[in-house]
Amino acid sequence: MALAGILTEAEIAAGLECCKAADSFDYKTFFVKVGLNSKSKDQLAKVFGILDQDRSGFIEEDELRLFLQNFSTSARALTDAETKAFLAAGDSDGDGKIGVDEFQALVKS
């Protein structure tokens, strides 16, 4: 399933536009711009499944680094600082990765 089935092209474009420059990614702003914060838990679980590229049941640091590329293949990778901040914000149990419940909570925060 593609993100396009959940988000509009305009929402995706707005989200990517707000963080084009290195170190400008802010997950809260991004989630609002792409409209993820208004999606249901079920829709967010589907988005999580797309972001969890290796199907491990978690989004790990290497998957977070390439987070934006799930929305557009031409999007940039996150910087190390952005990746670490994103992981720290979402990893509420401190295991070094983000589970589906943590992802849903992060988007809704």
N, C-alpha and C. Protein backbone atom coordinates (compact mmCIF):
# COMPACT_ATOMS: atom_id res chain seq x y z
N MET A 1 0.84 -1.20 0.00
CA MET A 1 0.00 0.00 0.00
C MET A 1 0.88 1.25 0.00
N ALA A 2 0.51 2.20 -0.79
CA ALA A 2 1.29 3.44 -0.89
C ALA A 2 0.69 4.52 0.01
N LEU A 3 1.54 5.44 0.39
CA LEU A 3 1.07 6.56 1.21
C LEU A 3 0.07 7.41 0.45
N ALA A 4 0.14 7.38 -0.88
CA ALA A 4 -0.79 8.17 -1.70
C ALA A 4 -2.24 7.76 -1.45
N GLY A 5 -2.47 6.52 -1.01
CA GLY A 5 -3.82 6.09 -0.71
C GLY A 5 -4.36 6.68 0.59
N ILE A 6 -3.47 7.24 1.40
CA ILE A 6 -3.85 7.78 2.70
C ILE A 6 -3.73 9.31 2.70
N LEU A 7 -2.71 9.81 2.02
CA LEU A 7 -2.45 11.25 1.98
C LEU A 7 -2.58 11.76 0.54
N THR A 8 -2.95 13.02 0.39
CA THR A 8 -3.03 13.60 -0.95
C THR A 8 -1.65 14.05 -1.41
N GLU A 9 -1.50 14.21 -2.73
CA GLU A 9 -0.22 14.71 -3.26
C GLU A 9 0.09 16.09 -2.70
N ALA A 10 -0.94 16.91 -2.55
CA ALA A 10 -0.75 18.27 -2.03
C ALA A 10 -0.25 18.23 -0.59
N GLU A 11 -0.80 17.33 0.22
CA GLU A 11 -0.36 17.20 1.62
C GLU A 11 1.10 16.75 1.67
N ILE A 12 1.44 15.76 0.86
CA ILE A 12 2.81 15.27 0.84
C ILE A 12 3.77 16.37 0.40
N ALA A 13 3.39 17.11 -0.65
CA ALA A 13 4.24 18.21 -1.14
C ALA A 13 4.44 19.27 -0.06
N ALA A 14 3.37 19.61 0.66
CA ALA A 14 3.46 20.63 1.72
C ALA A 14 4.39 20.15 2.83
N GLY A 15 4.27 18.88 3.19
CA GLY A 15 5.13 18.33 4.23
C GLY A 15 6.60 18.37 3.85
N LEU A 16 6.89 17.96 2.61
CA LEU A 16 8.29 17.93 2.17
C LEU A 16 8.85 19.33 1.99
N GLU A 17 8.01 20.27 1.58
CA GLU A 17 8.45 21.65 1.38
C GLU A 17 8.93 22.28 2.69
N CYS A 18 8.28 21.92 3.80
CA CYS A 18 8.60 22.56 5.08
C CYS A 18 9.92 22.07 5.67
N CYS A 19 10.54 21.06 5.07
CA CYS A 19 11.79 20.54 5.64
C CYS A 19 12.83 20.22 4.56
N LYS A 20 12.82 21.02 3.49
CA LYS A 20 13.76 20.78 2.39
C LYS A 20 15.21 21.00 2.82
N ALA A 21 15.44 22.00 3.63
CA ALA A 21 16.81 22.33 4.05
C ALA A 21 17.29 21.34 5.12
N ALA A 22 18.55 21.02 5.08
CA ALA A 22 19.14 20.14 6.09
C ALA A 22 18.89 20.71 7.48
N ASP A 23 18.61 19.84 8.43
CA ASP A 23 18.37 20.21 9.83
C ASP A 23 17.14 21.10 10.03
N SER A 24 16.21 21.08 9.06
CA SER A 24 14.96 21.84 9.22
C SER A 24 13.78 20.93 9.53
N PHE A 25 14.01 19.61 9.60
CA PHE A 25 12.91 18.67 9.85
C PHE A 25 12.42 18.77 11.28
N ASP A 26 11.13 19.00 11.42
CA ASP A 26 10.47 18.99 12.73
C ASP A 26 9.27 18.05 12.59
N TYR A 27 9.31 16.94 13.30
CA TYR A 27 8.28 15.92 13.10
C TYR A 27 6.86 16.45 13.36
N LYS A 28 6.69 17.33 14.36
CA LYS A 28 5.36 17.85 14.66
C LYS A 28 4.82 18.66 13.49
N THR A 29 5.66 19.57 12.97
CA THR A 29 5.26 20.38 11.82
C THR A 29 4.97 19.49 10.62
N PHE A 30 5.84 18.51 10.38
CA PHE A 30 5.67 17.61 9.24
C PHE A 30 4.35 16.85 9.34
N PHE A 31 4.06 16.27 10.50
CA PHE A 31 2.84 15.48 10.66
C PHE A 31 1.59 16.34 10.42
N VAL A 32 1.63 17.61 10.85
CA VAL A 32 0.50 18.51 10.63
C VAL A 32 0.38 18.84 9.14
N LYS A 33 1.50 19.18 8.51
CA LYS A 33 1.48 19.58 7.09
C LYS A 33 0.97 18.46 6.19
N VAL A 34 1.38 17.22 6.46
CA VAL A 34 0.92 16.11 5.62
C VAL A 34 -0.44 15.57 6.07
N GLY A 35 -0.94 16.08 7.19
CA GLY A 35 -2.26 15.68 7.65
C GLY A 35 -2.30 14.38 8.42
N LEU A 36 -1.14 13.85 8.81
CA LEU A 36 -1.13 12.59 9.55
C LEU A 36 -1.79 12.71 10.91
N ASN A 37 -1.67 13.90 11.52
CA ASN A 37 -2.22 14.08 12.87
C ASN A 37 -3.74 13.98 12.90
N SER A 38 -4.39 14.07 11.74
CA SER A 38 -5.85 13.97 11.71
C SER A 38 -6.34 12.59 11.25
N LYS A 39 -5.40 11.67 11.05
CA LYS A 39 -5.77 10.32 10.58
C LYS A 39 -6.14 9.43 11.76
N SER A 40 -6.88 8.37 11.47
CA SER A 40 -7.30 7.41 12.50
C SER A 40 -6.13 6.52 12.90
N LYS A 41 -6.28 5.86 14.05
CA LYS A 41 -5.24 4.92 14.50
C LYS A 41 -5.01 3.83 13.47
N ASP A 42 -6.08 3.39 12.82
CA ASP A 42 -5.98 2.36 11.79
C ASP A 42 -5.17 2.85 10.60
N GLN A 43 -5.43 4.08 10.17
CA GLN A 43 -4.67 4.66 9.06
C GLN A 43 -3.20 4.83 9.45
N LEU A 44 -2.97 5.26 10.69
CA LEU A 44 -1.59 5.43 11.16
C LEU A 44 -0.87 4.09 11.23
N ALA A 45 -1.58 3.03 11.57
CA ALA A 45 -0.98 1.70 11.59
C ALA A 45 -0.55 1.29 10.17
N LYS A 46 -1.35 1.67 9.17
CA LYS A 46 -1.00 1.38 7.77
C LYS A 46 0.25 2.17 7.37
N VAL A 47 0.29 3.45 7.76
CA VAL A 47 1.47 4.28 7.47
C VAL A 47 2.70 3.67 8.14
N PHE A 48 2.55 3.24 9.39
CA PHE A 48 3.65 2.60 10.11
C PHE A 48 4.17 1.39 9.32
N GLY A 49 3.25 0.59 8.79
CA GLY A 49 3.63 -0.59 8.02
C GLY A 49 4.46 -0.26 6.79
N ILE A 50 4.19 0.90 6.19
CA ILE A 50 4.98 1.35 5.03
C ILE A 50 6.36 1.81 5.48
N LEU A 51 6.41 2.53 6.60
CA LEU A 51 7.68 3.06 7.11
C LEU A 51 8.58 1.94 7.64
N ASP A 52 7.98 0.87 8.13
CA ASP A 52 8.73 -0.28 8.65
C ASP A 52 9.17 -1.15 7.47
N GLN A 53 10.21 -0.68 6.79
CA GLN A 53 10.63 -1.30 5.53
C GLN A 53 11.06 -2.76 5.66
N ASP A 54 11.68 -3.11 6.77
CA ASP A 54 12.15 -4.49 6.92
C ASP A 54 11.12 -5.40 7.61
N ARG A 55 9.93 -4.86 7.87
CA ARG A 55 8.82 -5.62 8.47
C ARG A 55 9.18 -6.23 9.82
N SER A 56 10.01 -5.52 10.59
CA SER A 56 10.45 -6.03 11.89
C SER A 56 9.42 -5.74 12.99
N GLY A 57 8.44 -4.89 12.68
CA GLY A 57 7.49 -4.47 13.69
C GLY A 57 7.92 -3.20 14.40
N PHE A 58 9.05 -2.67 13.97
CA PHE A 58 9.60 -1.43 14.54
C PHE A 58 10.19 -0.57 13.44
N ILE A 59 10.23 0.74 13.70
CA ILE A 59 10.97 1.65 12.82
C ILE A 59 12.29 1.92 13.53
N GLU A 60 13.38 1.44 12.93
CA GLU A 60 14.71 1.63 13.50
C GLU A 60 15.36 2.89 12.94
N GLU A 61 16.53 3.20 13.49
CA GLU A 61 17.22 4.44 13.13
C GLU A 61 17.49 4.56 11.63
N ASP A 62 17.92 3.46 10.99
CA ASP A 62 18.22 3.54 9.55
C ASP A 62 16.96 3.78 8.73
N GLU A 63 15.81 3.28 9.21
CA GLU A 63 14.55 3.53 8.51
C GLU A 63 14.10 4.98 8.74
N LEU A 64 14.35 5.51 9.92
CA LEU A 64 14.01 6.91 10.19
C LEU A 64 14.84 7.85 9.33
N ARG A 65 16.10 7.52 9.14
CA ARG A 65 16.98 8.38 8.33
C ARG A 65 16.38 8.58 6.94
N LEU A 66 15.75 7.53 6.40
CA LEU A 66 15.17 7.59 5.05
C LEU A 66 13.66 7.85 5.08
N PHE A 67 13.17 8.32 6.22
CA PHE A 67 11.75 8.57 6.45
C PHE A 67 11.09 9.37 5.33
N LEU A 68 11.69 10.49 4.95
CA LEU A 68 11.07 11.38 3.95
C LEU A 68 10.96 10.71 2.59
N GLN A 69 11.86 9.77 2.30
CA GLN A 69 11.85 9.12 0.99
C GLN A 69 10.65 8.18 0.83
N ASN A 70 9.97 7.85 1.92
CA ASN A 70 8.72 7.11 1.82
C ASN A 70 7.62 7.99 1.22
N PHE A 71 7.77 9.28 1.37
CA PHE A 71 6.77 10.23 0.87
C PHE A 71 7.09 10.66 -0.56
N SER A 72 8.39 10.75 -0.90
CA SER A 72 8.83 11.05 -2.25
C SER A 72 10.23 10.51 -2.43
N THR A 73 10.44 9.75 -3.50
CA THR A 73 11.76 9.14 -3.72
C THR A 73 12.85 10.20 -3.91
N SER A 74 12.46 11.40 -4.29
CA SER A 74 13.45 12.46 -4.49
C SER A 74 13.75 13.25 -3.22
N ALA A 75 13.06 12.92 -2.13
CA ALA A 75 13.28 13.65 -0.86
C ALA A 75 14.66 13.30 -0.29
N ARG A 76 15.16 14.21 0.54
CA ARG A 76 16.47 14.01 1.13
C ARG A 76 16.41 13.03 2.31
N ALA A 77 17.56 12.50 2.66
CA ALA A 77 17.68 11.72 3.89
C ALA A 77 17.76 12.70 5.06
N LEU A 78 17.30 12.29 6.22
CA LEU A 78 17.44 13.13 7.41
C LEU A 78 18.90 13.15 7.84
N THR A 79 19.31 14.25 8.44
CA THR A 79 20.67 14.34 8.97
C THR A 79 20.76 13.47 10.22
N ASP A 80 21.97 13.21 10.69
CA ASP A 80 22.15 12.43 11.91
C ASP A 80 21.43 13.08 13.09
N ALA A 81 21.55 14.41 13.20
CA ALA A 81 20.92 15.13 14.30
C ALA A 81 19.39 15.00 14.23
N GLU A 82 18.84 15.16 13.03
CA GLU A 82 17.38 15.04 12.87
C GLU A 82 16.91 13.63 13.20
N THR A 83 17.66 12.64 12.72
CA THR A 83 17.31 11.24 12.95
C THR A 83 17.30 10.92 14.43
N LYS A 84 18.35 11.36 15.13
CA LYS A 84 18.46 11.09 16.57
C LYS A 84 17.35 11.78 17.35
N ALA A 85 17.02 13.02 16.98
CA ALA A 85 15.96 13.77 17.67
C ALA A 85 14.60 13.11 17.42
N PHE A 86 14.36 12.66 16.20
CA PHE A 86 13.12 12.00 15.81
C PHE A 86 12.97 10.69 16.60
N LEU A 87 14.05 9.92 16.67
CA LEU A 87 14.04 8.66 17.39
C LEU A 87 13.79 8.90 18.89
N ALA A 88 14.48 9.88 19.45
CA ALA A 88 14.33 10.19 20.87
C ALA A 88 12.90 10.60 21.19
N ALA A 89 12.28 11.36 20.28
CA ALA A 89 10.91 11.83 20.50
C ALA A 89 9.91 10.67 20.47
N GLY A 90 10.14 9.70 19.60
CA GLY A 90 9.19 8.62 19.42
C GLY A 90 9.41 7.40 20.29
N ASP A 91 10.64 7.22 20.74
CA ASP A 91 11.01 6.00 21.48
C ASP A 91 10.71 6.18 22.97
N SER A 92 9.44 6.04 23.35
CA SER A 92 9.05 6.32 24.73
C SER A 92 9.51 5.25 25.72
N ASP A 93 9.79 4.03 25.26
CA ASP A 93 10.23 2.99 26.20
C ASP A 93 11.75 2.79 26.22
N GLY A 94 12.46 3.59 25.41
CA GLY A 94 13.92 3.59 25.47
C GLY A 94 14.61 2.37 24.89
N ASP A 95 13.93 1.64 23.99
CA ASP A 95 14.56 0.44 23.43
C ASP A 95 15.32 0.71 22.12
N GLY A 96 15.39 1.98 21.71
CA GLY A 96 16.18 2.33 20.53
C GLY A 96 15.44 2.19 19.22
N LYS A 97 14.14 1.99 19.28
CA LYS A 97 13.32 1.87 18.07
C LYS A 97 11.90 2.30 18.39
N ILE A 98 11.10 2.53 17.34
CA ILE A 98 9.75 3.02 17.51
C ILE A 98 8.76 1.94 17.09
N GLY A 99 7.90 1.52 18.03
CA GLY A 99 6.85 0.56 17.73
C GLY A 99 5.60 1.27 17.23
N VAL A 100 4.62 0.50 16.81
CA VAL A 100 3.40 1.10 16.23
C VAL A 100 2.66 1.97 17.25
N ASP A 101 2.58 1.54 18.50
CA ASP A 101 1.89 2.35 19.52
C ASP A 101 2.65 3.66 19.76
N GLU A 102 3.98 3.57 19.78
CA GLU A 102 4.80 4.77 19.98
C GLU A 102 4.62 5.73 18.80
N PHE A 103 4.55 5.16 17.58
CA PHE A 103 4.37 5.99 16.38
C PHE A 103 3.04 6.71 16.42
N GLN A 104 1.98 5.98 16.76
CA GLN A 104 0.65 6.59 16.84
C GLN A 104 0.63 7.71 17.88
N ALA A 105 1.25 7.47 19.03
CA ALA A 105 1.30 8.47 20.10
C ALA A 105 2.11 9.70 19.65
N LEU A 106 3.22 9.46 18.94
CA LEU A 106 4.07 10.55 18.47
C LEU A 106 3.32 11.44 17.48
N VAL A 107 2.61 10.83 16.54
CA VAL A 107 1.87 11.59 15.55
C VAL A 107 0.77 12.42 16.20
N LYS A 108 0.14 11.87 17.22
CA LYS A 108 -0.98 12.56 17.88
C LYS A 108 -0.52 13.55 18.95
N SER A 109 0.78 13.56 19.27
CA SER A 109 1.28 14.42 20.36
C SER A 109 1.25 15.90 20.00
